Amino acid sequence: MNQYETVFILTPVLSDDQMKEAVNKFKDVLVNGGAEIINEENWGLKKLAYSIDKKSTGFYELIEFKAAPELLKTLETAYRRDERVLRFLNVKMEKYAAEYAEKRRNIKKEA
């Protein structure tokens, strides 16, 4: 199992309940595929660097997880099929990136 980080941007026209429902949908895809969710961060509504589908803002969400590489294809398919997702990025974390992410999480917990 490898450690991954996924960041996705949801359309800004969603209500809080709709946004949480969309995030839970993608978390369910991960859990049902055998992934272990390590960390989840809601970065909130942020301005985009450039407009996407005539939208200048979006809800950002970060999820760190451990999973088999085959699960990424399923997750990407779920992102592409959902019209609420503006953009997404999946990154396989190397050893040092995973250590840095853990330090960052610990610093956030202490603050």
C-alpha atoms as a PDB file:
ATOM      1  CA  MET A   1       0.000   0.000   0.000  1.00  0.00           C
ATOM      2  CA  ASN A   2       1.238   3.448  -0.948  1.00  0.00           C
ATOM      3  CA  GLN A   3       0.470   6.769   0.679  1.00  0.00           C
ATOM      4  CA  TYR A   4      -1.403   9.292  -1.461  1.00  0.00           C
ATOM      5  CA  GLU A   5      -2.734  12.802  -1.170  1.00  0.00           C
ATOM      6  CA  THR A   6      -5.721  14.020  -3.153  1.00  0.00           C
ATOM      7  CA  VAL A   7      -6.922  17.600  -3.466  1.00  0.00           C
ATOM      8  CA  PHE A   8     -10.153  18.423  -5.240  1.00  0.00           C
ATOM      9  CA  ILE A   9     -12.092  21.610  -5.880  1.00  0.00           C
ATOM     10  CA  LEU A  10     -15.878  21.614  -5.694  1.00  0.00           C
ATOM     11  CA  THR A  11     -18.129  24.145  -7.387  1.00  0.00           C
ATOM     12  CA  PRO A  12     -18.926  27.182  -5.187  1.00  0.00           C
ATOM     13  CA  VAL A  13     -22.696  27.052  -5.785  1.00  0.00           C
ATOM     14  CA  LEU A  14     -23.106  24.156  -3.305  1.00  0.00           C
ATOM     15  CA  SER A  15     -24.604  24.580   0.142  1.00  0.00           C
ATOM     16  CA  ASP A  16     -22.657  23.329   3.172  1.00  0.00           C
ATOM     17  CA  ASP A  17     -24.738  20.134   3.281  1.00  0.00           C
ATOM     18  CA  GLN A  18     -24.216  19.458  -0.416  1.00  0.00           C
ATOM     19  CA  MET A  19     -20.473  20.037  -0.069  1.00  0.00           C
ATOM     20  CA  LYS A  20     -20.220  17.659   2.906  1.00  0.00           C
ATOM     21  CA  GLU A  21     -22.265  15.068   1.025  1.00  0.00           C
ATOM     22  CA  ALA A  22     -19.898  15.283  -1.965  1.00  0.00           C
ATOM     23  CA  VAL A  23     -16.815  14.922   0.278  1.00  0.00           C
ATOM     24  CA  ASN A  24     -18.391  11.941   2.045  1.00  0.00           C
ATOM     25  CA  LYS A  25     -19.104  10.344  -1.337  1.00  0.00           C
ATOM     26  CA  PHE A  26     -15.411  10.405  -2.251  1.00  0.00           C
ATOM     27  CA  LYS A  27     -14.380   9.225   1.225  1.00  0.00           C
ATOM     28  CA  ASP A  28     -16.789   6.290   0.807  1.00  0.00           C
ATOM     29  CA  VAL A  29     -15.158   5.427  -2.536  1.00  0.00           C
ATOM     30  CA  LEU A  30     -11.808   5.274  -0.736  1.00  0.00           C
ATOM     31  CA  VAL A  31     -13.021   3.303   2.291  1.00  0.00           C
ATOM     32  CA  ASN A  32     -15.020   0.843   0.178  1.00  0.00           C
ATOM     33  CA  GLY A  33     -11.902   0.283  -1.935  1.00  0.00           C
ATOM     34  CA  GLY A  34      -9.885  -0.674   1.140  1.00  0.00           C
ATOM     35  CA  ALA A  35      -8.102   2.620   1.750  1.00  0.00           C
ATOM     36  CA  GLU A  36      -7.106   3.889   5.167  1.00  0.00           C
ATOM     37  CA  ILE A  37      -7.838   7.611   5.521  1.00  0.00           C
ATOM     38  CA  ILE A  38      -5.017   9.288   7.450  1.00  0.00           C
ATOM     39  CA  ASN A  39      -6.014  12.945   7.368  1.00  0.00           C
ATOM     40  CA  GLU A  40      -8.715  15.179   5.971  1.00  0.00           C
ATOM     41  CA  GLU A  41      -8.634  18.959   5.723  1.00  0.00           C
ATOM     42  CA  ASN A  42     -11.333  21.309   4.543  1.00  0.00           C
ATOM     43  CA  TRP A  43      -9.568  24.393   3.209  1.00  0.00           C
ATOM     44  CA  GLY A  44     -12.851  26.194   2.578  1.00  0.00           C
ATOM     45  CA  LEU A  45     -13.887  28.577  -0.171  1.00  0.00           C
ATOM     46  CA  LYS A  46     -10.875  30.031  -1.984  1.00  0.00           C
ATOM     47  CA  LYS A  47     -10.313  32.175  -5.056  1.00  0.00           C
ATOM     48  CA  LEU A  48      -9.091  30.289  -8.112  1.00  0.00           C
ATOM     49  CA  ALA A  49      -6.007  31.394 -10.033  1.00  0.00           C
ATOM     50  CA  TYR A  50      -8.108  31.402 -13.214  1.00  0.00           C
ATOM     51  CA  SER A  51     -11.799  30.890 -13.836  1.00  0.00           C
ATOM     52  CA  ILE A  52     -13.061  27.362 -14.463  1.00  0.00           C
ATOM     53  CA  ASP A  53     -16.508  26.982 -16.054  1.00  0.00           C
ATOM     54  CA  LYS A  54     -17.065  30.718 -15.436  1.00  0.00           C
ATOM     55  CA  LYS A  55     -16.485  30.273 -11.690  1.00  0.00           C
ATOM     56  CA  SER A  56     -13.791  32.245  -9.866  1.00  0.00           C
ATOM     57  CA  THR A  57     -13.986  30.445  -6.480  1.00  0.00           C
ATOM     58  CA  GLY A  58     -14.253  26.876  -5.252  1.00  0.00           C
ATOM     59  CA  PHE A  59     -14.349  24.681  -2.139  1.00  0.00           C
ATOM     60  CA  TYR A  60     -10.966  23.006  -1.607  1.00  0.00           C
ATOM     61  CA  GLU A  61     -10.630  19.638   0.158  1.00  0.00           C
ATOM     62  CA  LEU A  62      -7.506  17.589   0.971  1.00  0.00           C
ATOM     63  CA  ILE A  63      -7.520  13.888   1.881  1.00  0.00           C
ATOM     64  CA  GLU A  64      -4.420  11.846   2.761  1.00  0.00           C
ATOM     65  CA  PHE A  65      -4.822   8.075   2.553  1.00  0.00           C
ATOM     66  CA  LYS A  66      -3.040   4.746   2.170  1.00  0.00           C
ATOM     67  CA  ALA A  67      -4.315   2.501  -0.595  1.00  0.00           C
ATOM     68  CA  ALA A  68      -3.434   0.086  -3.344  1.00  0.00           C
ATOM     69  CA  PRO A  69      -2.514   1.780  -6.661  1.00  0.00           C
ATOM     70  CA  GLU A  70      -5.550   0.267  -8.433  1.00  0.00           C
ATOM     71  CA  LEU A  71      -7.906   2.331  -6.262  1.00  0.00           C
ATOM     72  CA  LEU A  72      -6.707   5.588  -7.857  1.00  0.00           C
ATOM     73  CA  LYS A  73      -8.390   4.728 -11.165  1.00  0.00           C
ATOM     74  CA  THR A  74     -11.690   4.176  -9.359  1.00  0.00           C
ATOM     75  CA  LEU A  75     -11.314   7.474  -7.488  1.00  0.00           C
ATOM     76  CA  GLU A  76     -10.453   9.417 -10.642  1.00  0.00           C
ATOM     77  CA  THR A  77     -13.461   7.911 -12.420  1.00  0.00           C
ATOM     78  CA  ALA A  78     -15.678   9.050  -9.530  1.00  0.00           C
ATOM     79  CA  TYR A  79     -14.218  12.567  -9.784  1.00  0.00           C
ATOM     80  CA  ARG A  80     -14.766  12.741 -13.543  1.00  0.00           C
ATOM     81  CA  ARG A  81     -18.371  11.527 -13.295  1.00  0.00           C
ATOM     82  CA  ASP A  82     -19.347  14.063 -10.649  1.00  0.00           C
ATOM     83  CA  GLU A  83     -20.272  17.430 -12.130  1.00  0.00           C
ATOM     84  CA  ARG A  84     -19.643  19.177  -8.782  1.00  0.00           C
ATOM     85  CA  VAL A  85     -15.870  18.619  -9.118  1.00  0.00           C
ATOM     86  CA  LEU A  86     -14.075  21.419 -10.976  1.00  0.00           C
ATOM     87  CA  ARG A  87     -10.519  19.998 -10.683  1.00  0.00           C
ATOM     88  CA  PHE A  88      -8.664  17.260  -8.823  1.00  0.00           C
ATOM     89  CA  LEU A  89      -5.085  16.147  -8.281  1.00  0.00           C
ATOM     90  CA  ASN A  90      -3.804  12.852  -6.869  1.00  0.00           C
ATOM     91  CA  VAL A  91      -0.192  12.605  -5.714  1.00  0.00           C
ATOM     92  CA  LYS A  92       1.772   9.566  -4.550  1.00  0.00           C
ATOM     93  CA  MET A  93       3.762  10.691  -1.544  1.00  0.00           C
ATOM     94  CA  GLU A  94       7.371   9.582  -1.260  1.00  0.00           C
ATOM     95  CA  LYS A  95       8.880   8.765   2.125  1.00  0.00           C
ATOM     96  CA  TYR A  96      10.070  12.293   2.888  1.00  0.00           C
ATOM     97  CA  ALA A  97       6.818  13.914   1.802  1.00  0.00           C
ATOM     98  CA  ALA A  98       4.883  11.555   4.087  1.00  0.00           C
ATOM     99  CA  GLU A  99       7.176  12.438   7.003  1.00  0.00           C
ATOM    100  CA  TYR A 100       6.716  16.156   6.319  1.00  0.00           C
ATOM    101  CA  ALA A 101       2.928  15.763   6.162  1.00  0.00           C
ATOM    102  CA  GLU A 102       2.962  13.971   9.517  1.00  0.00           C
ATOM    103  CA  LYS A 103       5.039  16.771  11.093  1.00  0.00           C
ATOM    104  CA  ARG A 104       2.642  19.347   9.646  1.00  0.00           C
ATOM    105  CA  ARG A 105      -0.358  17.502  11.123  1.00  0.00           C
ATOM    106  CA  ASN A 106       1.308  17.303  14.550  1.00  0.00           C
ATOM    107  CA  ILE A 107       2.086  21.037  14.523  1.00  0.00           C
ATOM    108  CA  LYS A 108      -1.566  21.781  13.659  1.00  0.00           C
ATOM    109  CA  LYS A 109      -2.776  19.607  16.555  1.00  0.00           C
ATOM    110  CA  GLU A 110      -0.536  21.432  19.020  1.00  0.00           C
ATOM    111  CA  ALA A 111      -1.613  24.904  17.873  1.00  0.00           C
END
